[in-house]
Amino acid sequence: MIDSVNRLQELHPSTLENAFAWFLRVVAGYCLLFGVLYWVRLIGLYDATLWRFDLMPLHWQVATATLAVFFPFAAIGLWMLSSWGPVIWFICAATETVMYAGFPDLFGGRPLIVVAHAVVALVYATFRVLLHLQQRRAAAQ
């Protein structure tokens, strides 16, 4: 009887696990949006100064090409709830944080993006701690 109850609990995720999955999928949506915006820069759809790859300085070319590939890749991993999705997102967030907070003279200052990445990282860490505590409580029962 206890074994069937445990098996039933394994099949039905908790509210916290569902909330974490939705959080990851919302972040995946934003990653996909950021990836598309970097691709718009790469192919020159937006008609403005430095918004075409061949007109960008070298540091923007490297950053744009890297993030145009990594953000959609992170979106796929986050949407599928894969373990590598948050890792790729962290690489993207760290890259943008270094770009906008570390080198504002080269990339411009975008404190809102830096703060948004910090908030997402904090919410992610909070979810992971709460999920760990929930699993410990379930194992102790």
C-alpha atoms as a PDB file:
ATOM      1  CA  MET A   1       0.000   0.000   0.000  1.00  0.00           C
ATOM      2  CA  ILE A   2       2.779   2.444   0.903  1.00  0.00           C
ATOM      3  CA  ASP A   3       4.635   1.547  -2.287  1.00  0.00           C
ATOM      4  CA  SER A   4       1.601   2.417  -4.441  1.00  0.00           C
ATOM      5  CA  VAL A   5       1.220   5.777  -2.647  1.00  0.00           C
ATOM      6  CA  ASN A   6       4.895   6.579  -3.273  1.00  0.00           C
ATOM      7  CA  ARG A   7       4.555   5.580  -6.923  1.00  0.00           C
ATOM      8  CA  LEU A   8       1.479   7.797  -7.281  1.00  0.00           C
ATOM      9  CA  GLN A   9       3.386  10.748  -5.783  1.00  0.00           C
ATOM     10  CA  GLU A  10       6.211  10.186  -8.285  1.00  0.00           C
ATOM     11  CA  LEU A  11       3.784  10.344 -11.206  1.00  0.00           C
ATOM     12  CA  HIS A  12       2.125  13.577 -10.109  1.00  0.00           C
ATOM     13  CA  PRO A  13       4.469  16.528  -9.665  1.00  0.00           C
ATOM     14  CA  SER A  14       3.889  18.841  -6.759  1.00  0.00           C
ATOM     15  CA  THR A  15       2.692  22.416  -7.104  1.00  0.00           C
ATOM     16  CA  LEU A  16       6.246  23.617  -6.506  1.00  0.00           C
ATOM     17  CA  GLU A  17       7.572  21.385  -9.293  1.00  0.00           C
ATOM     18  CA  ASN A  18       4.863  22.643 -11.652  1.00  0.00           C
ATOM     19  CA  ALA A  19       5.677  26.258 -10.770  1.00  0.00           C
ATOM     20  CA  PHE A  20       9.367  25.600 -11.403  1.00  0.00           C
ATOM     21  CA  ALA A  21       8.572  24.073 -14.804  1.00  0.00           C
ATOM     22  CA  TRP A  22       6.452  27.103 -15.741  1.00  0.00           C
ATOM     23  CA  PHE A  23       9.216  29.435 -14.561  1.00  0.00           C
ATOM     24  CA  LEU A  24      11.768  27.645 -16.742  1.00  0.00           C
ATOM     25  CA  ARG A  25       9.433  27.830 -19.730  1.00  0.00           C
ATOM     26  CA  VAL A  26       8.836  31.553 -19.257  1.00  0.00           C
ATOM     27  CA  VAL A  27      12.612  32.075 -19.135  1.00  0.00           C
ATOM     28  CA  ALA A  28      12.848  29.908 -22.279  1.00  0.00           C
ATOM     29  CA  GLY A  29      10.448  32.271 -24.027  1.00  0.00           C
ATOM     30  CA  TYR A  30      12.598  35.253 -23.105  1.00  0.00           C
ATOM     31  CA  CYS A  31      15.729  33.424 -24.257  1.00  0.00           C
ATOM     32  CA  LEU A  32      14.103  32.735 -27.599  1.00  0.00           C
ATOM     33  CA  LEU A  33      13.124  36.408 -27.883  1.00  0.00           C
ATOM     34  CA  PHE A  34      16.676  37.533 -27.072  1.00  0.00           C
ATOM     35  CA  GLY A  35      18.041  35.034 -29.587  1.00  0.00           C
ATOM     36  CA  VAL A  36      15.749  36.370 -32.294  1.00  0.00           C
ATOM     37  CA  LEU A  37      16.796  39.928 -31.466  1.00  0.00           C
ATOM     38  CA  TYR A  38      20.460  38.982 -31.825  1.00  0.00           C
ATOM     39  CA  TRP A  39      19.682  37.262 -35.134  1.00  0.00           C
ATOM     40  CA  VAL A  40      17.939  40.431 -36.312  1.00  0.00           C
ATOM     41  CA  ARG A  41      21.205  42.225 -35.623  1.00  0.00           C
ATOM     42  CA  LEU A  42      23.225  39.587 -37.440  1.00  0.00           C
ATOM     43  CA  ILE A  43      21.235  39.608 -40.665  1.00  0.00           C
ATOM     44  CA  GLY A  44      20.587  43.361 -40.690  1.00  0.00           C
ATOM     45  CA  LEU A  45      16.774  43.457 -40.676  1.00  0.00           C
ATOM     46  CA  TYR A  46      16.736  46.540 -38.480  1.00  0.00           C
ATOM     47  CA  ASP A  47      17.941  49.577 -40.386  1.00  0.00           C
ATOM     48  CA  ALA A  48      20.173  51.471 -37.962  1.00  0.00           C
ATOM     49  CA  THR A  49      23.812  52.187 -37.313  1.00  0.00           C
ATOM     50  CA  LEU A  50      25.799  49.127 -36.192  1.00  0.00           C
ATOM     51  CA  TRP A  51      22.798  46.835 -36.696  1.00  0.00           C
ATOM     52  CA  ARG A  52      24.377  44.879 -39.520  1.00  0.00           C
ATOM     53  CA  PHE A  53      27.102  42.329 -38.956  1.00  0.00           C
ATOM     54  CA  ASP A  54      29.495  43.765 -41.519  1.00  0.00           C
ATOM     55  CA  LEU A  55      29.201  47.262 -39.988  1.00  0.00           C
ATOM     56  CA  MET A  56      29.697  46.194 -36.361  1.00  0.00           C
ATOM     57  CA  PRO A  57      32.994  46.546 -34.526  1.00  0.00           C
ATOM     58  CA  LEU A  58      34.778  43.272 -33.788  1.00  0.00           C
ATOM     59  CA  HIS A  59      33.679  43.076 -30.136  1.00  0.00           C
ATOM     60  CA  TRP A  60      30.019  43.363 -31.177  1.00  0.00           C
ATOM     61  CA  GLN A  61      30.490  40.771 -33.928  1.00  0.00           C
ATOM     62  CA  VAL A  62      31.857  38.232 -31.450  1.00  0.00           C
ATOM     63  CA  ALA A  63      29.192  38.923 -28.817  1.00  0.00           C
ATOM     64  CA  THR A  64      26.289  38.956 -31.265  1.00  0.00           C
ATOM     65  CA  ALA A  65      27.317  35.784 -33.066  1.00  0.00           C
ATOM     66  CA  THR A  66      27.850  33.948 -29.780  1.00  0.00           C
ATOM     67  CA  LEU A  67      24.595  35.035 -28.167  1.00  0.00           C
ATOM     68  CA  ALA A  68      22.564  34.514 -31.353  1.00  0.00           C
ATOM     69  CA  VAL A  69      23.485  30.829 -31.135  1.00  0.00           C
ATOM     70  CA  PHE A  70      23.471  30.344 -27.359  1.00  0.00           C
ATOM     71  CA  PHE A  71      20.159  32.030 -26.479  1.00  0.00           C
ATOM     72  CA  PRO A  72      17.978  29.796 -28.719  1.00  0.00           C
ATOM     73  CA  PHE A  73      19.997  26.785 -27.540  1.00  0.00           C
ATOM     74  CA  ALA A  74      19.281  27.790 -23.921  1.00  0.00           C
ATOM     75  CA  ALA A  75      15.615  28.245 -24.791  1.00  0.00           C
ATOM     76  CA  ILE A  76      15.399  24.694 -26.109  1.00  0.00           C
ATOM     77  CA  GLY A  77      17.068  23.265 -23.002  1.00  0.00           C
ATOM     78  CA  LEU A  78      14.902  25.277 -20.633  1.00  0.00           C
ATOM     79  CA  TRP A  79      11.680  24.413 -22.479  1.00  0.00           C
ATOM     80  CA  MET A  80      12.499  20.701 -22.393  1.00  0.00           C
ATOM     81  CA  LEU A  81      13.373  21.010 -18.679  1.00  0.00           C
ATOM     82  CA  SER A  82      16.806  19.545 -19.420  1.00  0.00           C
ATOM     83  CA  SER A  83      19.607  19.838 -16.915  1.00  0.00           C
ATOM     84  CA  TRP A  84      21.841  21.622 -19.447  1.00  0.00           C
ATOM     85  CA  GLY A  85      19.285  24.365 -20.193  1.00  0.00           C
ATOM     86  CA  PRO A  86      20.016  26.465 -17.087  1.00  0.00           C
ATOM     87  CA  VAL A  87      23.753  26.000 -17.661  1.00  0.00           C
ATOM     88  CA  ILE A  88      23.542  27.476 -21.165  1.00  0.00           C
ATOM     89  CA  TRP A  89      21.272  30.247 -19.869  1.00  0.00           C
ATOM     90  CA  PHE A  90      23.882  31.034 -17.200  1.00  0.00           C
ATOM     91  CA  ILE A  91      26.557  31.342 -19.896  1.00  0.00           C
ATOM     92  CA  CYS A  92      24.325  33.769 -21.811  1.00  0.00           C
ATOM     93  CA  ALA A  93      23.476  35.768 -18.690  1.00  0.00           C
ATOM     94  CA  ALA A  94      27.104  35.935 -17.593  1.00  0.00           C
ATOM     95  CA  THR A  95      28.158  37.046 -21.069  1.00  0.00           C
ATOM     96  CA  GLU A  96      25.576  39.829 -21.175  1.00  0.00           C
ATOM     97  CA  THR A  97      26.376  40.865 -17.614  1.00  0.00           C
ATOM     98  CA  VAL A  98      30.061  41.163 -18.459  1.00  0.00           C
ATOM     99  CA  MET A  99      29.190  43.029 -21.650  1.00  0.00           C
ATOM    100  CA  TYR A 100      26.867  45.603 -20.124  1.00  0.00           C
ATOM    101  CA  ALA A 101      28.253  45.912 -16.592  1.00  0.00           C
ATOM    102  CA  GLY A 102      31.933  45.238 -17.217  1.00  0.00           C
ATOM    103  CA  PHE A 103      32.422  47.040 -20.529  1.00  0.00           C
ATOM    104  CA  PRO A 104      29.789  49.791 -20.767  1.00  0.00           C
ATOM    105  CA  ASP A 105      32.166  51.909 -22.847  1.00  0.00           C
ATOM    106  CA  LEU A 106      32.164  49.212 -25.582  1.00  0.00           C
ATOM    107  CA  PHE A 107      28.637  47.797 -25.380  1.00  0.00           C
ATOM    108  CA  GLY A 108      26.701  50.560 -23.668  1.00  0.00           C
ATOM    109  CA  GLY A 109      25.154  50.372 -20.249  1.00  0.00           C
ATOM    110  CA  ARG A 110      21.999  48.312 -19.925  1.00  0.00           C
ATOM    111  CA  PRO A 111      21.419  47.960 -16.191  1.00  0.00           C
ATOM    112  CA  LEU A 112      17.895  46.614 -16.717  1.00  0.00           C
ATOM    113  CA  ILE A 113      19.231  43.524 -18.496  1.00  0.00           C
ATOM    114  CA  VAL A 114      21.842  42.970 -15.787  1.00  0.00           C
ATOM    115  CA  VAL A 115      19.203  43.284 -13.045  1.00  0.00           C
ATOM    116  CA  ALA A 116      16.822  40.978 -14.933  1.00  0.00           C
ATOM    117  CA  HIS A 117      19.503  38.288 -15.169  1.00  0.00           C
ATOM    118  CA  ALA A 118      20.246  38.657 -11.455  1.00  0.00           C
ATOM    119  CA  VAL A 119      16.544  38.348 -10.572  1.00  0.00           C
ATOM    120  CA  VAL A 120      16.136  35.237 -12.729  1.00  0.00           C
ATOM    121  CA  ALA A 121      19.229  33.683 -11.126  1.00  0.00           C
ATOM    122  CA  LEU A 122      17.901  34.482  -7.639  1.00  0.00           C
ATOM    123  CA  VAL A 123      14.453  33.018  -8.384  1.00  0.00           C
ATOM    124  CA  TYR A 124      16.091  29.931  -9.926  1.00  0.00           C
ATOM    125  CA  ALA A 125      18.284  29.427  -6.839  1.00  0.00           C
ATOM    126  CA  THR A 126      15.262  29.857  -4.562  1.00  0.00           C
ATOM    127  CA  PHE A 127      13.312  27.235  -6.508  1.00  0.00           C
ATOM    128  CA  ARG A 128      16.234  24.799  -6.362  1.00  0.00           C
ATOM    129  CA  VAL A 129      16.603  25.230  -2.587  1.00  0.00           C
ATOM    130  CA  LEU A 130      12.859  24.752  -2.033  1.00  0.00           C
ATOM    131  CA  LEU A 131      12.805  21.680  -4.266  1.00  0.00           C
ATOM    132  CA  HIS A 132      15.775  20.225  -2.393  1.00  0.00           C
ATOM    133  CA  LEU A 133      14.032  20.777   0.953  1.00  0.00           C
ATOM    134  CA  GLN A 134      10.844  19.204  -0.418  1.00  0.00           C
ATOM    135  CA  GLN A 135      12.754  16.124  -1.587  1.00  0.00           C
ATOM    136  CA  ARG A 136      14.475  15.789   1.793  1.00  0.00           C
ATOM    137  CA  ARG A 137      11.113  15.945   3.561  1.00  0.00           C
ATOM    138  CA  ALA A 138       9.658  13.339   1.211  1.00  0.00           C
ATOM    139  CA  ALA A 139      12.655  11.034   1.734  1.00  0.00           C
ATOM    140  CA  ALA A 140      12.344  11.335   5.503  1.00  0.00           C
ATOM    141  CA  GLN A 141       8.725  10.166   5.488  1.00  0.00           C
END
